[in-house]
Amino acid sequence: MPAAKPAEFRRRAVELARAREKPIAQIAMDLGIAEACLRRWMAKADREVGAGPAEPGTGPLTGDERAELVRLRRENRVQATEIEILKRASAYFARENILPK
């Protein structure tokens, strides 16, 4: 597996590819990387700046949006568990108060 390239190298490669002075395949060959690698870097850069569709929820997620989604899903799981526990507790105490002793 080839060594990872520094972030500055990746950023400059994406800038070169976006300038469209040469085909992406030629730029990748000149830089000594695979064309697919350069295209992945470009897609990742698009996601990071949110260069997808203008409407929220329809395009690729940015890093902040992804982190928020993970946090909200975790909170949702915790709350669902708490609700289930409270339902069982209320059913237990309701049954205890209704049945004759």
C-alpha atoms as a PDB file:
ATOM      1  CA  MET A   1       0.000   0.000   0.000  1.00  0.00           C
ATOM      2  CA  PRO A   2       1.457   3.390  -0.946  1.00  0.00           C
ATOM      3  CA  ALA A   3       2.245   5.908   1.746  1.00  0.00           C
ATOM      4  CA  ALA A   4      -0.425   8.450   2.573  1.00  0.00           C
ATOM      5  CA  LYS A   5       0.100  11.847   1.016  1.00  0.00           C
ATOM      6  CA  PRO A   6       0.160  14.993   3.184  1.00  0.00           C
ATOM      7  CA  ALA A   7      -3.002  17.066   3.408  1.00  0.00           C
ATOM      8  CA  GLU A   8      -1.364  19.993   1.600  1.00  0.00           C
ATOM      9  CA  PHE A   9      -0.445  17.707  -1.331  1.00  0.00           C
ATOM     10  CA  ARG A  10      -4.038  16.459  -1.542  1.00  0.00           C
ATOM     11  CA  ARG A  11      -5.420  19.997  -1.376  1.00  0.00           C
ATOM     12  CA  ARG A  12      -3.116  21.218  -4.165  1.00  0.00           C
ATOM     13  CA  ALA A  13      -3.908  18.168  -6.307  1.00  0.00           C
ATOM     14  CA  VAL A  14      -7.632  18.892  -5.984  1.00  0.00           C
ATOM     15  CA  GLU A  15      -7.016  22.546  -6.912  1.00  0.00           C
ATOM     16  CA  LEU A  16      -5.086  21.465 -10.008  1.00  0.00           C
ATOM     17  CA  ALA A  17      -7.855  19.086 -11.035  1.00  0.00           C
ATOM     18  CA  ARG A  18     -10.514  21.749 -10.541  1.00  0.00           C
ATOM     19  CA  ALA A  19      -8.575  24.212 -12.702  1.00  0.00           C
ATOM     20  CA  ARG A  20      -9.304  21.849 -15.658  1.00  0.00           C
ATOM     21  CA  GLU A  21      -6.103  22.850 -17.456  1.00  0.00           C
ATOM     22  CA  LYS A  22      -5.383  19.165 -18.111  1.00  0.00           C
ATOM     23  CA  PRO A  23      -7.525  16.024 -17.931  1.00  0.00           C
ATOM     24  CA  ILE A  24      -7.808  14.498 -14.463  1.00  0.00           C
ATOM     25  CA  ALA A  25      -6.086  11.327 -15.664  1.00  0.00           C
ATOM     26  CA  GLN A  26      -3.074  13.346 -16.846  1.00  0.00           C
ATOM     27  CA  ILE A  27      -2.859  15.320 -13.598  1.00  0.00           C
ATOM     28  CA  ALA A  28      -2.991  12.108 -11.576  1.00  0.00           C
ATOM     29  CA  MET A  29      -0.267  10.538 -13.718  1.00  0.00           C
ATOM     30  CA  ASP A  30       1.943  13.640 -13.375  1.00  0.00           C
ATOM     31  CA  LEU A  31       1.529  13.551  -9.592  1.00  0.00           C
ATOM     32  CA  GLY A  32       2.208   9.818  -9.405  1.00  0.00           C
ATOM     33  CA  ILE A  33      -1.176   8.842  -8.004  1.00  0.00           C
ATOM     34  CA  ALA A  34      -4.093   6.844  -9.367  1.00  0.00           C
ATOM     35  CA  GLU A  35      -6.890   8.652 -11.152  1.00  0.00           C
ATOM     36  CA  ALA A  36      -9.445   7.044  -8.820  1.00  0.00           C
ATOM     37  CA  CYS A  37      -7.483   8.357  -5.843  1.00  0.00           C
ATOM     38  CA  LEU A  38      -7.612  11.920  -7.168  1.00  0.00           C
ATOM     39  CA  ARG A  39     -11.335  11.597  -7.861  1.00  0.00           C
ATOM     40  CA  ARG A  40     -11.911  10.354  -4.269  1.00  0.00           C
ATOM     41  CA  TRP A  41      -9.987  13.346  -2.939  1.00  0.00           C
ATOM     42  CA  MET A  42     -12.138  15.652  -5.055  1.00  0.00           C
ATOM     43  CA  ALA A  43     -15.355  14.014  -3.813  1.00  0.00           C
ATOM     44  CA  LYS A  44     -14.171  14.263  -0.208  1.00  0.00           C
ATOM     45  CA  ALA A  45     -13.328  17.947  -0.680  1.00  0.00           C
ATOM     46  CA  ASP A  46     -16.835  18.497  -2.083  1.00  0.00           C
ATOM     47  CA  ARG A  47     -18.399  16.835   0.956  1.00  0.00           C
ATOM     48  CA  GLU A  48     -16.286  18.859   3.370  1.00  0.00           C
ATOM     49  CA  VAL A  49     -17.318  22.189   1.894  1.00  0.00           C
ATOM     50  CA  GLY A  50     -20.898  21.048   1.363  1.00  0.00           C
ATOM     51  CA  ALA A  51     -20.778  21.461  -2.411  1.00  0.00           C
ATOM     52  CA  GLY A  52     -23.793  19.260  -2.932  1.00  0.00           C
ATOM     53  CA  PRO A  53     -27.384  20.227  -3.690  1.00  0.00           C
ATOM     54  CA  ALA A  54     -28.533  23.434  -2.014  1.00  0.00           C
ATOM     55  CA  GLU A  55     -31.398  21.849  -0.068  1.00  0.00           C
ATOM     56  CA  PRO A  56     -30.467  20.394   3.328  1.00  0.00           C
ATOM     57  CA  GLY A  57     -30.836  16.669   3.653  1.00  0.00           C
ATOM     58  CA  THR A  58     -30.474  15.944  -0.059  1.00  0.00           C
ATOM     59  CA  GLY A  59     -26.713  16.083  -0.575  1.00  0.00           C
ATOM     60  CA  PRO A  60     -23.600  14.628   0.964  1.00  0.00           C
ATOM     61  CA  LEU A  61     -23.057  15.311   4.642  1.00  0.00           C
ATOM     62  CA  THR A  62     -20.294  17.553   5.905  1.00  0.00           C
ATOM     63  CA  GLY A  63     -18.162  16.442   8.829  1.00  0.00           C
ATOM     64  CA  ASP A  64     -20.139  18.578  11.284  1.00  0.00           C
ATOM     65  CA  GLU A  65     -23.463  17.270  10.010  1.00  0.00           C
ATOM     66  CA  ARG A  66     -22.235  13.687  10.270  1.00  0.00           C
ATOM     67  CA  ALA A  67     -21.068  14.248  13.868  1.00  0.00           C
ATOM     68  CA  GLU A  68     -24.417  15.802  14.774  1.00  0.00           C
ATOM     69  CA  LEU A  69     -26.279  12.902  13.173  1.00  0.00           C
ATOM     70  CA  VAL A  70     -24.265  10.392  15.208  1.00  0.00           C
ATOM     71  CA  ARG A  71     -24.903  12.368  18.408  1.00  0.00           C
ATOM     72  CA  LEU A  72     -28.657  12.635  17.756  1.00  0.00           C
ATOM     73  CA  ARG A  73     -28.986   8.942  16.933  1.00  0.00           C
ATOM     74  CA  ARG A  74     -27.191   8.059  20.163  1.00  0.00           C
ATOM     75  CA  GLU A  75     -29.515  10.353  22.149  1.00  0.00           C
ATOM     76  CA  ASN A  76     -32.524   8.784  20.432  1.00  0.00           C
ATOM     77  CA  ARG A  77     -31.400   5.262  21.434  1.00  0.00           C
ATOM     78  CA  VAL A  78     -30.880   6.333  25.054  1.00  0.00           C
ATOM     79  CA  GLN A  79     -34.295   8.005  25.207  1.00  0.00           C
ATOM     80  CA  ALA A  80     -36.014   4.990  23.647  1.00  0.00           C
ATOM     81  CA  THR A  81     -34.409   2.756  26.300  1.00  0.00           C
ATOM     82  CA  GLU A  82     -35.481   5.105  29.081  1.00  0.00           C
ATOM     83  CA  ILE A  83     -39.056   5.173  27.769  1.00  0.00           C
ATOM     84  CA  GLU A  84     -39.169   1.361  27.668  1.00  0.00           C
ATOM     85  CA  ILE A  85     -37.932   1.160  31.274  1.00  0.00           C
ATOM     86  CA  LEU A  86     -40.539   3.691  32.429  1.00  0.00           C
ATOM     87  CA  LYS A  87     -43.332   1.805  30.633  1.00  0.00           C
ATOM     88  CA  ARG A  88     -42.376  -1.436  32.356  1.00  0.00           C
ATOM     89  CA  ALA A  89     -42.108   0.276  35.750  1.00  0.00           C
ATOM     90  CA  SER A  90     -45.498   1.955  35.391  1.00  0.00           C
ATOM     91  CA  ALA A  91     -47.101  -1.350  34.351  1.00  0.00           C
ATOM     92  CA  TYR A  92     -45.528  -3.078  37.363  1.00  0.00           C
ATOM     93  CA  PHE A  93     -46.749  -0.477  39.848  1.00  0.00           C
ATOM     94  CA  ALA A  94     -50.204  -0.245  38.244  1.00  0.00           C
ATOM     95  CA  ARG A  95     -50.609  -4.013  38.512  1.00  0.00           C
ATOM     96  CA  GLU A  96     -49.500  -3.925  42.169  1.00  0.00           C
ATOM     97  CA  ASN A  97     -52.070  -1.211  43.084  1.00  0.00           C
ATOM     98  CA  ILE A  98     -55.035  -2.757  41.236  1.00  0.00           C
ATOM     99  CA  LEU A  99     -54.851  -6.389  42.366  1.00  0.00           C
ATOM    100  CA  PRO A 100     -56.408  -7.151  45.764  1.00  0.00           C
ATOM    101  CA  LYS A 101     -54.042  -8.271  48.488  1.00  0.00           C
END
